[in-house]
Amino acid sequence: MTTLWQIEQLIVAPKQGELTRVVITAAWRCNGADGNHFGTCYGAASFTAPDPADFIPYLNLTQDEVLGWVFDSGVDKAAIEQNVSDQIERSKNPPTVSLPLPWESAPAPAPLPAE
């Protein structure tokens, strides 16, 4: 399985004290894939006011930097990736399936996955 973390949106305070373009929230997504099976989790992380001494100007931010803030804010990377992995496993081996009603004429149902 491969996973890809990405930042999809940044919400910014135009001015916060003497700082400008301060990121206050980041919307993130974790996508996973294994062949033709996919999973995804989406969320947002909010941040406290930055220390002016450590402030990174908006145009100098990188996705990796913001993802670091996301994980530091409490987003559990391992738990999210496990959730995505579980979605993929359920896609491969669904716990339930919907079959046509047996009393209606319909094509034969697809075979159930082997146990």
PDB file of N, CA and C in Angstrom:
ATOM      1  N   MET A   1       0.853  -1.176   0.000  1.00  0.00           N
ATOM      2  CA  MET A   1       0.000   0.000   0.000  1.00  0.00           C
ATOM      3  C   MET A   1       0.898   1.238   0.000  1.00  0.00           C
ATOM      4  N   THR A   2       0.510   2.203  -0.795  1.00  0.00           N
ATOM      5  CA  THR A   2       1.202   3.486  -0.773  1.00  0.00           C
ATOM      6  C   THR A   2       0.273   4.539  -0.172  1.00  0.00           C
ATOM      7  N   THR A   3       0.840   5.462   0.573  1.00  0.00           N
ATOM      8  CA  THR A   3       0.050   6.564   1.135  1.00  0.00           C
ATOM      9  C   THR A   3       0.656   7.887   0.693  1.00  0.00           C
ATOM     10  N   LEU A   4      -0.197   8.859   0.572  1.00  0.00           N
ATOM     11  CA  LEU A   4       0.234  10.201   0.203  1.00  0.00           C
ATOM     12  C   LEU A   4      -0.507  11.200   1.082  1.00  0.00           C
ATOM     13  N   TRP A   5       0.246  11.996   1.825  1.00  0.00           N
ATOM     14  CA  TRP A   5      -0.323  13.066   2.642  1.00  0.00           C
ATOM     15  C   TRP A   5      -0.216  14.366   1.870  1.00  0.00           C
ATOM     16  N   GLN A   6      -1.272  15.160   1.920  1.00  0.00           N
ATOM     17  CA  GLN A   6      -1.205  16.453   1.274  1.00  0.00           C
ATOM     18  C   GLN A   6      -2.030  17.485   2.023  1.00  0.00           C
ATOM     19  N   ILE A   7      -1.605  18.722   1.872  1.00  0.00           N
ATOM     20  CA  ILE A   7      -2.350  19.853   2.400  1.00  0.00           C
ATOM     21  C   ILE A   7      -3.228  20.359   1.270  1.00  0.00           C
ATOM     22  N   GLU A   8      -4.531  20.481   1.530  1.00  0.00           N
ATOM     23  CA  GLU A   8      -5.461  20.888   0.492  1.00  0.00           C
ATOM     24  C   GLU A   8      -5.889  22.344   0.602  1.00  0.00           C
ATOM     25  N   GLN A   9      -5.781  22.914   1.796  1.00  0.00           N
ATOM     26  CA  GLN A   9      -6.192  24.307   1.966  1.00  0.00           C
ATOM     27  C   GLN A   9      -5.553  24.866   3.220  1.00  0.00           C
ATOM     28  N   LEU A  10      -5.194  26.132   3.152  1.00  0.00           N
ATOM     29  CA  LEU A  10      -4.707  26.859   4.327  1.00  0.00           C
ATOM     30  C   LEU A  10      -5.645  28.025   4.592  1.00  0.00           C
ATOM     31  N   ILE A  11      -6.073  28.146   5.831  1.00  0.00           N
ATOM     32  CA  ILE A  11      -6.878  29.293   6.245  1.00  0.00           C
ATOM     33  C   ILE A  11      -5.936  30.218   7.008  1.00  0.00           C
ATOM     34  N   VAL A  12      -5.969  31.475   6.615  1.00  0.00           N
ATOM     35  CA  VAL A  12      -4.958  32.425   7.074  1.00  0.00           C
ATOM     36  C   VAL A  12      -5.611  33.650   7.712  1.00  0.00           C
ATOM     37  N   ALA A  13      -5.012  34.111   8.798  1.00  0.00           N
ATOM     38  CA  ALA A  13      -5.389  35.409   9.365  1.00  0.00           C
ATOM     39  C   ALA A  13      -4.533  36.446   8.642  1.00  0.00           C
ATOM     40  N   PRO A  14      -5.154  37.429   7.981  1.00  0.00           N
ATOM     41  CA  PRO A  14      -4.362  38.411   7.245  1.00  0.00           C
ATOM     42  C   PRO A  14      -3.345  39.137   8.129  1.00  0.00           C
ATOM     43  N   LYS A  15      -3.736  39.396   9.371  1.00  0.00           N
ATOM     44  CA  LYS A  15      -2.826  40.062  10.306  1.00  0.00           C
ATOM     45  C   LYS A  15      -3.089  39.521  11.703  1.00  0.00           C
ATOM     46  N   GLN A  16      -2.012  39.213  12.393  1.00  0.00           N
ATOM     47  CA  GLN A  16      -2.116  38.727  13.778  1.00  0.00           C
ATOM     48  C   GLN A  16      -0.982  39.400  14.541  1.00  0.00           C
ATOM     49  N   GLY A  17      -1.335  40.425  15.304  1.00  0.00           N
ATOM     50  CA  GLY A  17      -0.289  41.229  15.943  1.00  0.00           C
ATOM     51  C   GLY A  17       0.522  41.913  14.857  1.00  0.00           C
ATOM     52  N   GLU A  18       1.825  41.716  14.890  1.00  0.00           N
ATOM     53  CA  GLU A  18       2.693  42.320  13.871  1.00  0.00           C
ATOM     54  C   GLU A  18       2.953  41.379  12.708  1.00  0.00           C
ATOM     55  N   LEU A  19       2.434  40.157  12.792  1.00  0.00           N
ATOM     56  CA  LEU A  19       2.666  39.168  11.735  1.00  0.00           C
ATOM     57  C   LEU A  19       1.561  39.248  10.687  1.00  0.00           C
ATOM     58  N   THR A  20       1.912  38.929   9.448  1.00  0.00           N
ATOM     59  CA  THR A  20       0.925  38.926   8.374  1.00  0.00           C
ATOM     60  C   THR A  20       0.840  37.538   7.757  1.00  0.00           C
ATOM     61  N   ARG A  21      -0.347  37.246   7.208  1.00  0.00           N
ATOM     62  CA  ARG A  21      -0.612  35.955   6.555  1.00  0.00           C
ATOM     63  C   ARG A  21      -0.228  34.780   7.463  1.00  0.00           C
ATOM     64  N   VAL A  22      -0.876  34.736   8.595  1.00  0.00           N
ATOM     65  CA  VAL A  22      -0.584  33.713   9.608  1.00  0.00           C
ATOM     66  C   VAL A  22      -1.536  32.531   9.407  1.00  0.00           C
ATOM     67  N   VAL A  23      -0.973  31.368   9.180  1.00  0.00           N
ATOM     68  CA  VAL A  23      -1.790  30.163   8.986  1.00  0.00           C
ATOM     69  C   VAL A  23      -2.406  29.780  10.327  1.00  0.00           C
ATOM     70  N   ILE A  24      -3.743  29.678  10.330  1.00  0.00           N
ATOM     71  CA  ILE A  24      -4.419  29.299  11.568  1.00  0.00           C
ATOM     72  C   ILE A  24      -5.051  27.907  11.461  1.00  0.00           C
ATOM     73  N   THR A  25      -5.315  27.439  10.235  1.00  0.00           N
ATOM     74  CA  THR A  25      -5.896  26.114  10.029  1.00  0.00           C
ATOM     75  C   THR A  25      -5.373  25.535   8.720  1.00  0.00           C
ATOM     76  N   ALA A  26      -5.105  24.241   8.734  1.00  0.00           N
ATOM     77  CA  ALA A  26      -4.701  23.524   7.523  1.00  0.00           C
ATOM     78  C   ALA A  26      -5.640  22.342   7.323  1.00  0.00           C
ATOM     79  N   ALA A  27      -6.202  22.236   6.129  1.00  0.00           N
ATOM     80  CA  ALA A  27      -7.015  21.075   5.760  1.00  0.00           C
ATOM     81  C   ALA A  27      -6.077  20.065   5.106  1.00  0.00           C
ATOM     82  N   TRP A  28      -6.123  18.839   5.597  1.00  0.00           N
ATOM     83  CA  TRP A  28      -5.205  17.798   5.113  1.00  0.00           C
ATOM     84  C   TRP A  28      -5.992  16.603   4.591  1.00  0.00           C
ATOM     85  N   ARG A  29      -5.316  15.783   3.800  1.00  0.00           N
ATOM     86  CA  ARG A  29      -5.891  14.535   3.304  1.00  0.00           C
ATOM     87  C   ARG A  29      -4.779  13.491   3.247  1.00  0.00           C
ATOM     88  N   CYS A  30      -5.145  12.257   3.610  1.00  0.00           N
ATOM     89  CA  CYS A  30      -4.255  11.114   3.462  1.00  0.00           C
ATOM     90  C   CYS A  30      -4.940  10.127   2.516  1.00  0.00           C
ATOM     91  N   ASN A  31      -4.327   9.895   1.373  1.00  0.00           N
ATOM     92  CA  ASN A  31      -4.845   8.935   0.393  1.00  0.00           C
ATOM     93  C   ASN A  31      -3.980   7.688   0.420  1.00  0.00           C
ATOM     94  N   GLY A  32      -4.618   6.547   0.216  1.00  0.00           N
ATOM     95  CA  GLY A  32      -3.887   5.291   0.124  1.00  0.00           C
ATOM     96  C   GLY A  32      -4.379   4.494  -1.061  1.00  0.00           C
ATOM     97  N   ALA A  33      -3.486   3.679  -1.614  1.00  0.00           N
ATOM     98  CA  ALA A  33      -3.861   2.856  -2.756  1.00  0.00           C
ATOM     99  C   ALA A  33      -3.095   1.538  -2.701  1.00  0.00           C
ATOM    100  N   ASP A  34      -3.791   0.510  -3.146  1.00  0.00           N
ATOM    101  CA  ASP A  34      -3.182  -0.808  -3.319  1.00  0.00           C
ATOM    102  C   ASP A  34      -3.851  -1.404  -4.549  1.00  0.00           C
ATOM    103  N   GLY A  35      -3.194  -1.310  -5.705  1.00  0.00           N
ATOM    104  CA  GLY A  35      -3.814  -1.762  -6.943  1.00  0.00           C
ATOM    105  C   GLY A  35      -5.028  -0.907  -7.243  1.00  0.00           C
ATOM    106  N   ASN A  36      -6.177  -1.566  -7.430  1.00  0.00           N
ATOM    107  CA  ASN A  36      -7.425  -0.858  -7.733  1.00  0.00           C
ATOM    108  C   ASN A  36      -8.262  -0.575  -6.486  1.00  0.00           C
ATOM    109  N   HIS A  37      -7.663  -0.616  -5.327  1.00  0.00           N
ATOM    110  CA  HIS A  37      -8.366  -0.384  -4.063  1.00  0.00           C
ATOM    111  C   HIS A  37      -7.816   0.887  -3.422  1.00  0.00           C
ATOM    112  N   PHE A  38      -8.737   1.731  -2.913  1.00  0.00           N
ATOM    113  CA  PHE A  38      -8.352   3.041  -2.419  1.00  0.00           C
ATOM    114  C   PHE A  38      -8.998   3.337  -1.074  1.00  0.00           C
ATOM    115  N   GLY A  39      -8.362   4.203  -0.310  1.00  0.00           N
ATOM    116  CA  GLY A  39      -8.911   4.694   0.944  1.00  0.00           C
ATOM    117  C   GLY A  39      -8.483   6.136   1.130  1.00  0.00           C
ATOM    118  N   THR A  40      -9.222   6.877   1.934  1.00  0.00           N
ATOM    119  CA  THR A  40      -8.863   8.269   2.184  1.00  0.00           C
ATOM    120  C   THR A  40      -9.393   8.728   3.534  1.00  0.00           C
ATOM    121  N   CYS A  41      -8.677   9.646   4.147  1.00  0.00           N
ATOM    122  CA  CYS A  41      -9.124  10.334   5.354  1.00  0.00           C
ATOM    123  C   CYS A  41      -8.835  11.810   5.153  1.00  0.00           C
ATOM    124  N   TYR A  42      -9.716  12.637   5.676  1.00  0.00           N
ATOM    125  CA  TYR A  42      -9.621  14.080   5.505  1.00  0.00           C
ATOM    126  C   TYR A  42      -9.893  14.738   6.841  1.00  0.00           C
ATOM    127  N   GLY A  43      -9.207  15.821   7.103  1.00  0.00           N
ATOM    128  CA  GLY A  43      -9.454  16.547   8.335  1.00  0.00           C
ATOM    129  C   GLY A  43      -8.823  17.915   8.305  1.00  0.00           C
ATOM    130  N   ALA A  44      -8.879  18.581   9.428  1.00  0.00           N
ATOM    131  CA  ALA A  44      -8.293  19.915   9.550  1.00  0.00           C
ATOM    132  C   ALA A  44      -7.627  20.031  10.905  1.00  0.00           C
ATOM    133  N   ALA A  45      -6.556  20.779  10.927  1.00  0.00           N
ATOM    134  CA  ALA A  45      -5.838  21.038  12.174  1.00  0.00           C
ATOM    135  C   ALA A  45      -5.737  22.544  12.364  1.00  0.00           C
ATOM    136  N   SER A  46      -5.986  22.986  13.577  1.00  0.00           N
ATOM    137  CA  SER A  46      -5.875  24.410  13.898  1.00  0.00           C
ATOM    138  C   SER A  46      -4.621  24.637  14.730  1.00  0.00           C
ATOM    139  N   PHE A  47      -4.068  25.819  14.592  1.00  0.00           N
ATOM    140  CA  PHE A  47      -2.801  26.122  15.240  1.00  0.00           C
ATOM    141  C   PHE A  47      -2.924  27.348  16.136  1.00  0.00           C
ATOM    142  N   THR A  48      -2.127  27.363  17.198  1.00  0.00           N
ATOM    143  CA  THR A  48      -2.062  28.531  18.073  1.00  0.00           C
ATOM    144  C   THR A  48      -1.193  29.595  17.409  1.00  0.00           C
ATOM    145  N   ALA A  49      -1.245  30.798  17.947  1.00  0.00           N
ATOM    146  CA  ALA A  49      -0.446  31.893  17.394  1.00  0.00           C
ATOM    147  C   ALA A  49       1.038  31.526  17.444  1.00  0.00           C
ATOM    148  N   PRO A  50       1.740  31.762  16.358  1.00  0.00           N
ATOM    149  CA  PRO A  50       3.161  31.396  16.337  1.00  0.00           C
ATOM    150  C   PRO A  50       4.012  32.369  17.146  1.00  0.00           C
ATOM    151  N   ASP A  51       5.152  31.880  17.571  1.00  0.00           N
ATOM    152  CA  ASP A  51       6.153  32.733  18.205  1.00  0.00           C
ATOM    153  C   ASP A  51       6.774  33.586  17.094  1.00  0.00           C
ATOM    154  N   PRO A  52       6.741  34.896  17.220  1.00  0.00           N
ATOM    155  CA  PRO A  52       7.305  35.741  16.162  1.00  0.00           C
ATOM    156  C   PRO A  52       8.750  35.376  15.801  1.00  0.00           C
ATOM    157  N   ALA A  53       9.521  34.876  16.758  1.00  0.00           N
ATOM    158  CA  ALA A  53      10.909  34.511  16.484  1.00  0.00           C
ATOM    159  C   ALA A  53      11.006  33.288  15.565  1.00  0.00           C
ATOM    160  N   ASP A  54       9.965  32.428  15.570  1.00  0.00           N
ATOM    161  CA  ASP A  54       9.976  31.216  14.749  1.00  0.00           C
ATOM    162  C   ASP A  54       9.076  31.322  13.522  1.00  0.00           C
ATOM    163  N   PHE A  55       8.484  32.485  13.294  1.00  0.00           N
ATOM    164  CA  PHE A  55       7.508  32.661  12.221  1.00  0.00           C
ATOM    165  C   PHE A  55       8.147  32.454  10.846  1.00  0.00           C
ATOM    166  N   ILE A  56       7.460  31.686  10.020  1.00  0.00           N
ATOM    167  CA  ILE A  56       7.882  31.473   8.629  1.00  0.00           C
ATOM    168  C   ILE A  56       6.911  32.241   7.744  1.00  0.00           C
ATOM    169  N   PRO A  57       7.398  33.162   6.924  1.00  0.00           N
ATOM    170  CA  PRO A  57       6.499  33.906   6.034  1.00  0.00           C
ATOM    171  C   PRO A  57       5.712  32.948   5.133  1.00  0.00           C
ATOM    172  N   TYR A  58       4.471  33.335   4.866  1.00  0.00           N
ATOM    173  CA  TYR A  58       3.546  32.490   4.101  1.00  0.00           C
ATOM    174  C   TYR A  58       4.173  31.976   2.804  1.00  0.00           C
ATOM    175  N   LEU A  59       4.799  32.835   2.050  1.00  0.00           N
ATOM    176  CA  LEU A  59       5.347  32.432   0.751  1.00  0.00           C
ATOM    177  C   LEU A  59       6.559  31.513   0.871  1.00  0.00           C
ATOM    178  N   ASN A  60       7.105  31.372   2.078  1.00  0.00           N
ATOM    179  CA  ASN A  60       8.249  30.476   2.292  1.00  0.00           C
ATOM    180  C   ASN A  60       7.844  29.114   2.850  1.00  0.00           C
ATOM    181  N   LEU A  61       6.549  28.913   3.115  1.00  0.00           N
ATOM    182  CA  LEU A  61       6.080  27.643   3.670  1.00  0.00           C
ATOM    183  C   LEU A  61       6.199  26.528   2.630  1.00  0.00           C
ATOM    184  N   THR A  62       6.458  25.324   3.122  1.00  0.00           N
ATOM    185  CA  THR A  62       6.431  24.133   2.275  1.00  0.00           C
ATOM    186  C   THR A  62       5.347  23.202   2.805  1.00  0.00           C
ATOM    187  N   GLN A  63       4.909  22.303   1.949  1.00  0.00           N
ATOM    188  CA  GLN A  63       3.908  21.323   2.379  1.00  0.00           C
ATOM    189  C   GLN A  63       4.455  20.471   3.526  1.00  0.00           C
ATOM    190  N   ASP A  64       5.726  20.085   3.454  1.00  0.00           N
ATOM    191  CA  ASP A  64       6.312  19.279   4.528  1.00  0.00           C
ATOM    192  C   ASP A  64       6.312  20.028   5.859  1.00  0.00           C
ATOM    193  N   GLU A  65       6.584  21.326   5.815  1.00  0.00           N
ATOM    194  CA  GLU A  65       6.576  22.136   7.042  1.00  0.00           C
ATOM    195  C   GLU A  65       5.181  22.144   7.658  1.00  0.00           C
ATOM    196  N   VAL A  66       4.169  22.390   6.828  1.00  0.00           N
ATOM    197  CA  VAL A  66       2.798  22.459   7.338  1.00  0.00           C
ATOM    198  C   VAL A  66       2.338  21.081   7.810  1.00  0.00           C
ATOM    199  N   LEU A  67       2.700  20.015   7.100  1.00  0.00           N
ATOM    200  CA  LEU A  67       2.357  18.666   7.584  1.00  0.00           C
ATOM    201  C   LEU A  67       2.986  18.406   8.949  1.00  0.00           C
ATOM    202  N   GLY A  68       4.189  18.892   9.163  1.00  0.00           N
ATOM    203  CA  GLY A  68       4.817  18.771  10.481  1.00  0.00           C
ATOM    204  C   GLY A  68       3.986  19.444  11.551  1.00  0.00           C
ATOM    205  N   TRP A  69       3.436  20.623  11.242  1.00  0.00           N
ATOM    206  CA  TRP A  69       2.556  21.316  12.195  1.00  0.00           C
ATOM    207  C   TRP A  69       1.304  20.488  12.454  1.00  0.00           C
ATOM    208  N   VAL A  70       0.770  19.891  11.391  1.00  0.00           N
ATOM    209  CA  VAL A  70      -0.448  19.076  11.521  1.00  0.00           C
ATOM    210  C   VAL A  70      -0.194  17.937  12.514  1.00  0.00           C
ATOM    211  N   PHE A  71       0.900  17.224  12.338  1.00  0.00           N
ATOM    212  CA  PHE A  71       1.202  16.102  13.233  1.00  0.00           C
ATOM    213  C   PHE A  71       1.521  16.593  14.642  1.00  0.00           C
ATOM    214  N   ASP A  72       2.226  17.715  14.743  1.00  0.00           N
ATOM    215  CA  ASP A  72       2.534  18.279  16.064  1.00  0.00           C
ATOM    216  C   ASP A  72       1.277  18.755  16.790  1.00  0.00           C
ATOM    217  N   SER A  73       0.220  19.069  16.034  1.00  0.00           N
ATOM    218  CA  SER A  73      -1.021  19.570  16.654  1.00  0.00           C
ATOM    219  C   SER A  73      -1.878  18.444  17.225  1.00  0.00           C
ATOM    220  N   GLY A  74      -1.473  17.190  16.984  1.00  0.00           N
ATOM    221  CA  GLY A  74      -2.212  16.075  17.558  1.00  0.00           C
ATOM    222  C   GLY A  74      -2.825  15.120  16.555  1.00  0.00           C
ATOM    223  N   VAL A  75      -2.707  15.391  15.261  1.00  0.00           N
ATOM    224  CA  VAL A  75      -3.212  14.444  14.271  1.00  0.00           C
ATOM    225  C   VAL A  75      -2.307  13.209  14.341  1.00  0.00           C
ATOM    226  N   ASP A  76      -2.904  12.055  14.595  1.00  0.00           N
ATOM    227  CA  ASP A  76      -2.172  10.809  14.781  1.00  0.00           C
ATOM    228  C   ASP A  76      -1.913  10.157  13.423  1.00  0.00           C
ATOM    229  N   LYS A  77      -0.729  10.388  12.897  1.00  0.00           N
ATOM    230  CA  LYS A  77      -0.368   9.902  11.562  1.00  0.00           C
ATOM    231  C   LYS A  77      -0.552   8.394  11.441  1.00  0.00           C
ATOM    232  N   ALA A  78      -0.060   7.647  12.409  1.00  0.00           N
ATOM    233  CA  ALA A  78      -0.156   6.178  12.353  1.00  0.00           C
ATOM    234  C   ALA A  78      -1.615   5.721  12.376  1.00  0.00           C
ATOM    235  N   ALA A  79      -2.443   6.345  13.199  1.00  0.00           N
ATOM    236  CA  ALA A  79      -3.862   5.952  13.284  1.00  0.00           C
ATOM    237  C   ALA A  79      -4.597   6.276  11.988  1.00  0.00           C
ATOM    238  N   ILE A  80      -4.293   7.431  11.394  1.00  0.00           N
ATOM    239  CA  ILE A  80      -4.940   7.795  10.124  1.00  0.00           C
ATOM    240  C   ILE A  80      -4.526   6.821   9.037  1.00  0.00           C
ATOM    241  N   GLU A  81      -3.244   6.499   8.958  1.00  0.00           N
ATOM    242  CA  GLU A  81      -2.776   5.561   7.937  1.00  0.00           C
ATOM    243  C   GLU A  81      -3.371   4.168   8.161  1.00  0.00           C
ATOM    244  N   GLN A  82      -3.579   3.778   9.404  1.00  0.00           N
ATOM    245  CA  GLN A  82      -4.231   2.493   9.684  1.00  0.00           C
ATOM    246  C   GLN A  82      -5.680   2.511   9.221  1.00  0.00           C
ATOM    247  N   ASN A  83      -6.365   3.640   9.440  1.00  0.00           N
ATOM    248  CA  ASN A  83      -7.739   3.787   8.976  1.00  0.00           C
ATOM    249  C   ASN A  83      -7.809   3.639   7.456  1.00  0.00           C
ATOM    250  N   VAL A  84      -6.897   4.284   6.747  1.00  0.00           N
ATOM    251  CA  VAL A  84      -6.860   4.183   5.278  1.00  0.00           C
ATOM    252  C   VAL A  84      -6.582   2.737   4.867  1.00  0.00           C
ATOM    253  N   SER A  85      -5.657   2.089   5.542  1.00  0.00           N
ATOM    254  CA  SER A  85      -5.348   0.684   5.255  1.00  0.00           C
ATOM    255  C   SER A  85      -6.563  -0.206   5.490  1.00  0.00           C
ATOM    256  N   ASP A  86      -7.297   0.051   6.570  1.00  0.00           N
ATOM    257  CA  ASP A  86      -8.504  -0.727   6.868  1.00  0.00           C
ATOM    258  C   ASP A  86      -9.562  -0.536   5.778  1.00  0.00           C
ATOM    259  N   GLN A  87      -9.706   0.694   5.274  1.00  0.00           N
ATOM    260  CA  GLN A  87     -10.651   0.943   4.180  1.00  0.00           C
ATOM    261  C   GLN A  87     -10.282   0.110   2.957  1.00  0.00           C
ATOM    262  N   ILE A  88      -8.998   0.063   2.654  1.00  0.00           N
ATOM    263  CA  ILE A  88      -8.533  -0.701   1.491  1.00  0.00           C
ATOM    264  C   ILE A  88      -8.795  -2.190   1.692  1.00  0.00           C
ATOM    265  N   GLU A  89      -8.530  -2.696   2.885  1.00  0.00           N
ATOM    266  CA  GLU A  89      -8.780  -4.123   3.163  1.00  0.00           C
ATOM    267  C   GLU A  89     -10.268  -4.446   3.049  1.00  0.00           C
ATOM    268  N   ARG A  90     -11.132  -3.538   3.538  1.00  0.00           N
ATOM    269  CA  ARG A  90     -12.578  -3.763   3.408  1.00  0.00           C
ATOM    270  C   ARG A  90     -13.018  -3.713   1.947  1.00  0.00           C
ATOM    271  N   SER A  91     -12.326  -2.915   1.140  1.00  0.00           N
ATOM    272  CA  SER A  91     -12.633  -2.867  -0.291  1.00  0.00           C
ATOM    273  C   SER A  91     -12.253  -4.187  -0.954  1.00  0.00           C
ATOM    274  N   LYS A  92     -11.148  -4.757  -0.539  1.00  0.00           N
ATOM    275  CA  LYS A  92     -10.692  -6.040  -1.094  1.00  0.00           C
ATOM    276  C   LYS A  92     -11.565  -7.200  -0.624  1.00  0.00           C
ATOM    277  N   ASN A  93     -11.977  -7.164   0.625  1.00  0.00           N
ATOM    278  CA  ASN A  93     -12.750  -8.234   1.250  1.00  0.00           C
ATOM    279  C   ASN A  93     -13.945  -7.636   1.976  1.00  0.00           C
ATOM    280  N   PRO A  94     -14.982  -7.237   1.233  1.00  0.00           N
ATOM    281  CA  PRO A  94     -16.103  -6.562   1.882  1.00  0.00           C
ATOM    282  C   PRO A  94     -16.803  -7.456   2.905  1.00  0.00           C
ATOM    283  N   PRO A  95     -17.136  -6.899   4.073  1.00  0.00           N
ATOM    284  CA  PRO A  95     -17.803  -7.695   5.108  1.00  0.00           C
ATOM    285  C   PRO A  95     -19.260  -7.982   4.751  1.00  0.00           C
ATOM    286  N   THR A  96     -19.845  -7.177   3.881  1.00  0.00           N
ATOM    287  CA  THR A  96     -21.220  -7.402   3.417  1.00  0.00           C
ATOM    288  C   THR A  96     -21.264  -7.090   1.924  1.00  0.00           C
ATOM    289  N   VAL A  97     -22.210  -7.717   1.236  1.00  0.00           N
ATOM    290  CA  VAL A  97     -22.422  -7.442  -0.183  1.00  0.00           C
ATOM    291  C   VAL A  97     -23.922  -7.347  -0.434  1.00  0.00           C
ATOM    292  N   SER A  98     -24.305  -6.696  -1.508  1.00  0.00           N
ATOM    293  CA  SER A  98     -25.701  -6.586  -1.896  1.00  0.00           C
ATOM    294  C   SER A  98     -25.928  -7.485  -3.103  1.00  0.00           C
ATOM    295  N   LEU A  99     -26.811  -8.455  -2.953  1.00  0.00           N
ATOM    296  CA  LEU A  99     -27.127  -9.379  -4.036  1.00  0.00           C
ATOM    297  C   LEU A  99     -28.516  -9.073  -4.580  1.00  0.00           C
ATOM    298  N   PRO A 100     -28.772  -9.461  -5.824  1.00  0.00           N
ATOM    299  CA  PRO A 100     -30.125  -9.275  -6.353  1.00  0.00           C
ATOM    300  C   PRO A 100     -31.114 -10.140  -5.569  1.00  0.00           C
ATOM    301  N   LEU A 101     -32.356  -9.725  -5.547  1.00  0.00           N
ATOM    302  CA  LEU A 101     -33.384 -10.508  -4.865  1.00  0.00           C
ATOM    303  C   LEU A 101     -33.543 -11.843  -5.574  1.00  0.00           C
ATOM    304  N   PRO A 102     -33.594 -12.936  -4.826  1.00  0.00           N
ATOM    305  CA  PRO A 102     -33.606 -14.261  -5.458  1.00  0.00           C
ATOM    306  C   PRO A 102     -34.870 -14.548  -6.263  1.00  0.00           C
ATOM    307  N   TRP A 103     -35.955 -13.860  -5.987  1.00  0.00           N
ATOM    308  CA  TRP A 103     -37.204 -14.146  -6.688  1.00  0.00           C
ATOM    309  C   TRP A 103     -37.367 -13.297  -7.954  1.00  0.00           C
ATOM    310  N   GLU A 104     -36.423 -12.384  -8.198  1.00  0.00           N
ATOM    311  CA  GLU A 104     -36.474 -11.598  -9.428  1.00  0.00           C
ATOM    312  C   GLU A 104     -35.472 -12.169 -10.416  1.00  0.00           C
ATOM    313  N   SER A 105     -35.884 -12.233 -11.683  1.00  0.00           N
ATOM    314  CA  SER A 105     -34.927 -12.736 -12.666  1.00  0.00           C
ATOM    315  C   SER A 105     -33.871 -11.678 -12.912  1.00  0.00           C
ATOM    316  N   ALA A 106     -32.672 -12.113 -12.750  1.00  0.00           N
ATOM    317  CA  ALA A 106     -31.531 -11.238 -12.915  1.00  0.00           C
ATOM    318  C   ALA A 106     -30.331 -12.102 -13.282  1.00  0.00           C
ATOM    319  N   PRO A 107     -29.309 -11.514 -13.783  1.00  0.00           N
ATOM    320  CA  PRO A 107     -28.120 -12.321 -14.062  1.00  0.00           C
ATOM    321  C   PRO A 107     -27.601 -12.948 -12.774  1.00  0.00           C
ATOM    322  N   ALA A 108     -26.910 -14.037 -12.909  1.00  0.00           N
ATOM    323  CA  ALA A 108     -26.353 -14.738 -11.745  1.00  0.00           C
ATOM    324  C   ALA A 108     -25.445 -13.778 -10.969  1.00  0.00           C
ATOM    325  N   PRO A 109     -25.512 -13.836  -9.642  1.00  0.00           N
ATOM    326  CA  PRO A 109     -24.671 -12.934  -8.838  1.00  0.00           C
ATOM    327  C   PRO A 109     -23.190 -13.280  -9.003  1.00  0.00           C
ATOM    328  N   ALA A 110     -22.393 -12.272  -8.782  1.00  0.00           N
ATOM    329  CA  ALA A 110     -20.944 -12.495  -8.802  1.00  0.00           C
ATOM    330  C   ALA A 110     -20.591 -13.440  -7.670  1.00  0.00           C
ATOM    331  N   PRO A 111     -19.566 -14.264  -7.877  1.00  0.00           N
ATOM    332  CA  PRO A 111     -19.183 -15.181  -6.789  1.00  0.00           C
ATOM    333  C   PRO A 111     -18.660 -14.405  -5.595  1.00  0.00           C
ATOM    334  N   LEU A 112     -18.918 -14.961  -4.415  1.00  0.00           N
ATOM    335  CA  LEU A 112     -18.418 -14.359  -3.181  1.00  0.00           C
ATOM    336  C   LEU A 112     -16.922 -14.607  -3.089  1.00  0.00           C
ATOM    337  N   PRO A 113     -16.187 -13.712  -2.409  1.00  0.00           N
ATOM    338  CA  PRO A 113     -14.748 -13.920  -2.248  1.00  0.00           C
ATOM    339  C   PRO A 113     -14.476 -15.232  -1.512  1.00  0.00           C
ATOM    340  N   ALA A 114     -13.394 -15.885  -1.906  1.00  0.00           N
ATOM    341  CA  ALA A 114     -12.989 -17.136  -1.239  1.00  0.00           C
ATOM    342  C   ALA A 114     -12.560 -16.828   0.182  1.00  0.00           C
ATOM    343  N   GLU A 115     -12.858 -17.727   1.080  1.00  0.00           N
ATOM    344  CA  GLU A 115     -12.468 -17.525   2.478  1.00  0.00           C
ATOM    345  C   GLU A 115     -11.112 -18.089   2.730  1.00  0.00           C
TER     346      GLU A 115
END
